C-alpha atoms as a PDB file:
ATOM      1  CA  UNK A   1      27.344  -4.931  -4.202  1.00  0.00           C
ATOM      2  CA  UNK A   2      26.167  -7.168  -1.363  1.00  0.00           C
ATOM      3  CA  UNK A   3      26.597  -4.299   1.096  1.00  0.00           C
ATOM      4  CA  UNK A   4      24.575  -1.988  -1.187  1.00  0.00           C
ATOM      5  CA  UNK A   5      21.768  -4.551  -1.293  1.00  0.00           C
ATOM      6  CA  UNK A   6      21.629  -4.669   2.502  1.00  0.00           C
ATOM      7  CA  UNK A   7      21.765  -0.892   2.624  1.00  0.00           C
ATOM      8  CA  UNK A   8      18.808  -0.744   0.200  1.00  0.00           C
ATOM      9  CA  UNK A   9      16.694  -2.960   2.468  1.00  0.00           C
ATOM     10  CA  UNK A  10      17.756  -1.117   5.620  1.00  0.00           C
ATOM     11  CA  UNK A  11      16.989   2.286   4.096  1.00  0.00           C
ATOM     12  CA  UNK A  12      13.532   1.169   3.050  1.00  0.00           C
ATOM     13  CA  UNK A  13      12.828  -0.177   6.533  1.00  0.00           C
ATOM     14  CA  UNK A  14      14.117   2.960   8.227  1.00  0.00           C
ATOM     15  CA  UNK A  15      12.193   5.283   5.914  1.00  0.00           C
ATOM     16  CA  UNK A  16       9.004   3.297   6.531  1.00  0.00           C
ATOM     17  CA  UNK A  17       9.524   3.360  10.299  1.00  0.00           C
ATOM     18  CA  UNK A  18      10.343   7.096  10.394  1.00  0.00           C
ATOM     19  CA  UNK A  19       7.188   7.872   8.431  1.00  0.00           C
ATOM     20  CA  UNK A  20       5.107   5.671  10.752  1.00  0.00           C
ATOM     21  CA  UNK A  21       6.473   7.452  13.820  1.00  0.00           C
ATOM     22  CA  UNK A  22       5.778  10.863  12.288  1.00  0.00           C
ATOM     23  CA  UNK A  23       2.255   9.897  11.202  1.00  0.00           C
ATOM     24  CA  UNK A  24       1.479   8.383  14.603  1.00  0.00           C
ATOM     25  CA  UNK A  25       2.283  11.784  16.154  1.00  0.00           C
ATOM     26  CA  UNK A  26       0.298  13.752  13.570  1.00  0.00           C
ATOM     27  CA  UNK A  27      -2.714  11.422  13.548  1.00  0.00           C
ATOM     28  CA  UNK A  28      -2.909  11.353  17.343  1.00  0.00           C
ATOM     29  CA  UNK A  29      -5.097  14.497  17.372  1.00  0.00           C
ATOM     30  CA  UNK A  30      -7.724  12.511  15.422  1.00  0.00           C
ATOM     31  CA  UNK A  31      -7.241   9.437  17.666  1.00  0.00           C
ATOM     32  CA  UNK A  32      -5.832   7.638  14.626  1.00  0.00           C
ATOM     33  CA  UNK A  33      -2.492   6.006  13.907  1.00  0.00           C
ATOM     34  CA  UNK A  34      -0.332   5.195  10.924  1.00  0.00           C
ATOM     35  CA  UNK A  35      -2.148   1.854  10.792  1.00  0.00           C
ATOM     36  CA  UNK A  36      -5.719   3.136  10.918  1.00  0.00           C
ATOM     37  CA  UNK A  37      -5.921   6.088   8.552  1.00  0.00           C
ATOM     38  CA  UNK A  38      -5.332   3.978   5.376  1.00  0.00           C
ATOM     39  CA  UNK A  39      -8.665   2.252   6.054  1.00  0.00           C
ATOM     40  CA  UNK A  40     -10.393   5.620   5.907  1.00  0.00           C
ATOM     41  CA  UNK A  41      -8.653   6.473   2.611  1.00  0.00           C
ATOM     42  CA  UNK A  42      -9.729   3.174   1.073  1.00  0.00           C
ATOM     43  CA  UNK A  43     -13.275   3.555   2.336  1.00  0.00           C
ATOM     44  CA  UNK A  44     -13.428   7.133   1.097  1.00  0.00           C
ATOM     45  CA  UNK A  45     -13.011   5.836  -2.458  1.00  0.00           C
ATOM     46  CA  UNK A  46     -14.931   2.567  -1.990  1.00  0.00           C
ATOM     47  CA  UNK A  47     -17.820   3.089   0.400  1.00  0.00           C
ATOM     48  CA  UNK A  48     -19.878  -0.035   0.841  1.00  0.00           C
ATOM     49  CA  UNK A  49     -17.030  -2.492   0.329  1.00  0.00           C
ATOM     50  CA  UNK A  50     -16.745  -5.619   2.421  1.00  0.00           C
ATOM     51  CA  UNK A  51     -14.335  -6.214   5.267  1.00  0.00           C
ATOM     52  CA  UNK A  52     -12.534  -8.843   3.159  1.00  0.00           C
ATOM     53  CA  UNK A  53     -12.011  -6.373   0.312  1.00  0.00           C
ATOM     54  CA  UNK A  54     -10.645  -3.704   2.613  1.00  0.00           C
ATOM     55  CA  UNK A  55      -8.220  -6.313   4.034  1.00  0.00           C
ATOM     56  CA  UNK A  56      -7.007  -7.078   0.522  1.00  0.00           C
ATOM     57  CA  UNK A  57      -6.593  -3.416  -0.329  1.00  0.00           C
ATOM     58  CA  UNK A  58      -4.624  -2.631   2.840  1.00  0.00           C
ATOM     59  CA  UNK A  59      -2.537  -5.768   2.531  1.00  0.00           C
ATOM     60  CA  UNK A  60      -3.377  -6.701   6.125  1.00  0.00           C
ATOM     61  CA  UNK A  61      -4.697 -10.044   7.252  1.00  0.00           C
ATOM     62  CA  UNK A  62      -8.359 -10.420   8.192  1.00  0.00           C
ATOM     63  CA  UNK A  63      -7.718 -10.470  11.939  1.00  0.00           C
ATOM     64  CA  UNK A  64      -5.730  -7.217  11.832  1.00  0.00           C
ATOM     65  CA  UNK A  65      -8.402  -5.607   9.682  1.00  0.00           C
ATOM     66  CA  UNK A  66     -11.145  -6.762  12.033  1.00  0.00           C
ATOM     67  CA  UNK A  67      -9.350  -5.162  15.002  1.00  0.00           C
ATOM     68  CA  UNK A  68      -8.728  -1.928  13.099  1.00  0.00           C
ATOM     69  CA  UNK A  69     -12.296  -1.724  11.823  1.00  0.00           C
ATOM     70  CA  UNK A  70     -13.643  -2.349  15.337  1.00  0.00           C
ATOM     71  CA  UNK A  71     -11.479   0.495  16.632  1.00  0.00           C
ATOM     72  CA  UNK A  72     -12.641   2.835  13.844  1.00  0.00           C
ATOM     73  CA  UNK A  73     -16.265   1.946  14.601  1.00  0.00           C
ATOM     74  CA  UNK A  74     -15.688   2.654  18.312  1.00  0.00           C
ATOM     75  CA  UNK A  75     -14.178   6.048  17.353  1.00  0.00           C
ATOM     76  CA  UNK A  76     -17.261   6.768  15.215  1.00  0.00           C
ATOM     77  CA  UNK A  77     -15.264   7.022  11.972  1.00  0.00           C
ATOM     78  CA  UNK A  78     -16.854   4.024  10.331  1.00  0.00           C
ATOM     79  CA  UNK A  79     -19.984   1.943  10.546  1.00  0.00           C
ATOM     80  CA  UNK A  80     -21.019  -1.356   9.090  1.00  0.00           C
ATOM     81  CA  UNK A  81     -24.303  -2.368   7.618  1.00  0.00           C
ATOM     82  CA  UNK A  82     -25.507  -5.896   6.918  1.00  0.00           C
ATOM     83  CA  UNK A  83     -25.206  -6.891   3.266  1.00  0.00           C
ATOM     84  CA  UNK A  84     -28.686  -7.187   1.762  1.00  0.00           C
ATOM     85  CA  UNK A  85     -27.703 -10.224  -0.328  1.00  0.00           C
ATOM     86  CA  UNK A  86     -25.609 -12.049   2.286  1.00  0.00           C
ATOM     87  CA  UNK A  87     -26.613 -11.697   5.926  1.00  0.00           C
ATOM     88  CA  UNK A  88     -23.207 -13.040   7.034  1.00  0.00           C
ATOM     89  CA  UNK A  89     -21.371 -10.165   5.329  1.00  0.00           C
ATOM     90  CA  UNK A  90     -21.202  -6.467   6.155  1.00  0.00           C
ATOM     91  CA  UNK A  91     -20.624  -3.359   4.079  1.00  0.00           C
ATOM     92  CA  UNK A  92     -18.476  -0.554   5.476  1.00  0.00           C
ATOM     93  CA  UNK A  93     -19.193   3.190   5.331  1.00  0.00           C
ATOM     94  CA  UNK A  94     -17.624   6.415   6.586  1.00  0.00           C
ATOM     95  CA  UNK A  95     -19.482   8.388   9.224  1.00  0.00           C
ATOM     96  CA  UNK A  96     -20.144  12.112   9.042  1.00  0.00           C
ATOM     97  CA  UNK A  97     -17.354  12.577  11.591  1.00  0.00           C
ATOM     98  CA  UNK A  98     -14.882  10.783   9.313  1.00  0.00           C
ATOM     99  CA  UNK A  99     -15.976  12.712   6.239  1.00  0.00           C
ATOM    100  CA  UNK A 100     -15.409  15.956   8.142  1.00  0.00           C
ATOM    101  CA  UNK A 101     -11.773  15.149   8.996  1.00  0.00           C
ATOM    102  CA  UNK A 102     -10.759  13.549   5.699  1.00  0.00           C
ATOM    103  CA  UNK A 103      -9.662  16.870   4.115  1.00  0.00           C
ATOM    104  CA  UNK A 104      -7.463  17.532   7.173  1.00  0.00           C
ATOM    105  CA  UNK A 105      -5.887  14.092   6.942  1.00  0.00           C
ATOM    106  CA  UNK A 106      -5.211  14.621   3.242  1.00  0.00           C
ATOM    107  CA  UNK A 107      -3.518  17.919   4.131  1.00  0.00           C
ATOM    108  CA  UNK A 108      -1.349  16.187   6.743  1.00  0.00           C
ATOM    109  CA  UNK A 109      -0.236  13.559   4.223  1.00  0.00           C
ATOM    110  CA  UNK A 110       0.407  16.204   1.554  1.00  0.00           C
ATOM    111  CA  UNK A 111       2.492  18.210   4.037  1.00  0.00           C
ATOM    112  CA  UNK A 112       4.524  15.110   4.915  1.00  0.00           C
ATOM    113  CA  UNK A 113       5.212  14.266   1.273  1.00  0.00           C
ATOM    114  CA  UNK A 114       6.218  17.874   0.604  1.00  0.00           C
ATOM    115  CA  UNK A 115       8.509  17.819   3.627  1.00  0.00           C
ATOM    116  CA  UNK A 116      10.319  14.610   2.697  1.00  0.00           C
ATOM    117  CA  UNK A 117      10.634  15.438  -1.008  1.00  0.00           C
ATOM    118  CA  UNK A 118      11.509  19.121  -0.620  1.00  0.00           C
ATOM    119  CA  UNK A 119      15.145  18.615  -1.658  1.00  0.00           C
ATOM    120  CA  UNK A 120      14.211  16.611  -4.766  1.00  0.00           C
ATOM    121  CA  UNK A 121      13.755  18.157  -8.182  1.00  0.00           C
ATOM    122  CA  UNK A 122      10.524  17.456 -10.032  1.00  0.00           C
ATOM    123  CA  UNK A 123      12.414  14.993 -12.227  1.00  0.00           C
ATOM    124  CA  UNK A 124      13.837  13.207  -9.167  1.00  0.00           C
ATOM    125  CA  UNK A 125      10.350  12.960  -7.653  1.00  0.00           C
ATOM    126  CA  UNK A 126       8.958  11.416 -10.841  1.00  0.00           C
ATOM    127  CA  UNK A 127      11.853   8.963 -11.103  1.00  0.00           C
ATOM    128  CA  UNK A 128      11.484   8.022  -7.422  1.00  0.00           C
ATOM    129  CA  UNK A 129       7.739   7.432  -7.740  1.00  0.00           C
ATOM    130  CA  UNK A 130       8.220   5.416 -10.919  1.00  0.00           C
ATOM    131  CA  UNK A 131      10.960   3.299  -9.313  1.00  0.00           C
ATOM    132  CA  UNK A 132       8.934   2.730  -6.148  1.00  0.00           C
ATOM    133  CA  UNK A 133       5.922   1.626  -8.197  1.00  0.00           C
ATOM    134  CA  UNK A 134       8.057  -0.905 -10.049  1.00  0.00           C
ATOM    135  CA  UNK A 135       9.522  -2.213  -6.793  1.00  0.00           C
ATOM    136  CA  UNK A 136       6.074  -2.369  -5.213  1.00  0.00           C
ATOM    137  CA  UNK A 137       4.635  -4.359  -8.118  1.00  0.00           C
ATOM    138  CA  UNK A 138       7.479  -6.865  -7.903  1.00  0.00           C
ATOM    139  CA  UNK A 139       7.165  -7.196  -4.130  1.00  0.00           C
ATOM    140  CA  UNK A 140       3.412  -7.794  -4.407  1.00  0.00           C
ATOM    141  CA  UNK A 141       4.282 -11.091  -6.055  1.00  0.00           C
ATOM    142  CA  UNK A 142       6.463 -12.037  -3.089  1.00  0.00           C
ATOM    143  CA  UNK A 143       3.427 -12.001  -0.787  1.00  0.00           C
ATOM    144  CA  UNK A 144       1.712 -14.807  -2.663  1.00  0.00           C
END
């Protein structure tokens, strides 16, 4: 059983890394990486959120988020606007350029998921997603 537990952790790490490598290649044409596109997805659903909130949603620390947001601003995918109620805070928004590529990025992600789940039945996909959600929820508590 101990060996299976290690195998479980190793598989998760390897799957994560393989997906990152693949996404880095695919996202390169948009000058994005596996670490930057999630910010666009979050902002797409939550325009006007603060930098702190986007850090929480990505699960990245504030310094990492600040670097990523700066890069996305430099690439003209995102802009920030001073918060009207708190001049120390900023609200984040997608640019027209970002909005134009979002459907393409969604297609890339959909294609990846289809590729890696192609050999799974619909039932296996549902079980996998359900299991991963449970594991994710438990691991969220480990961060705190």
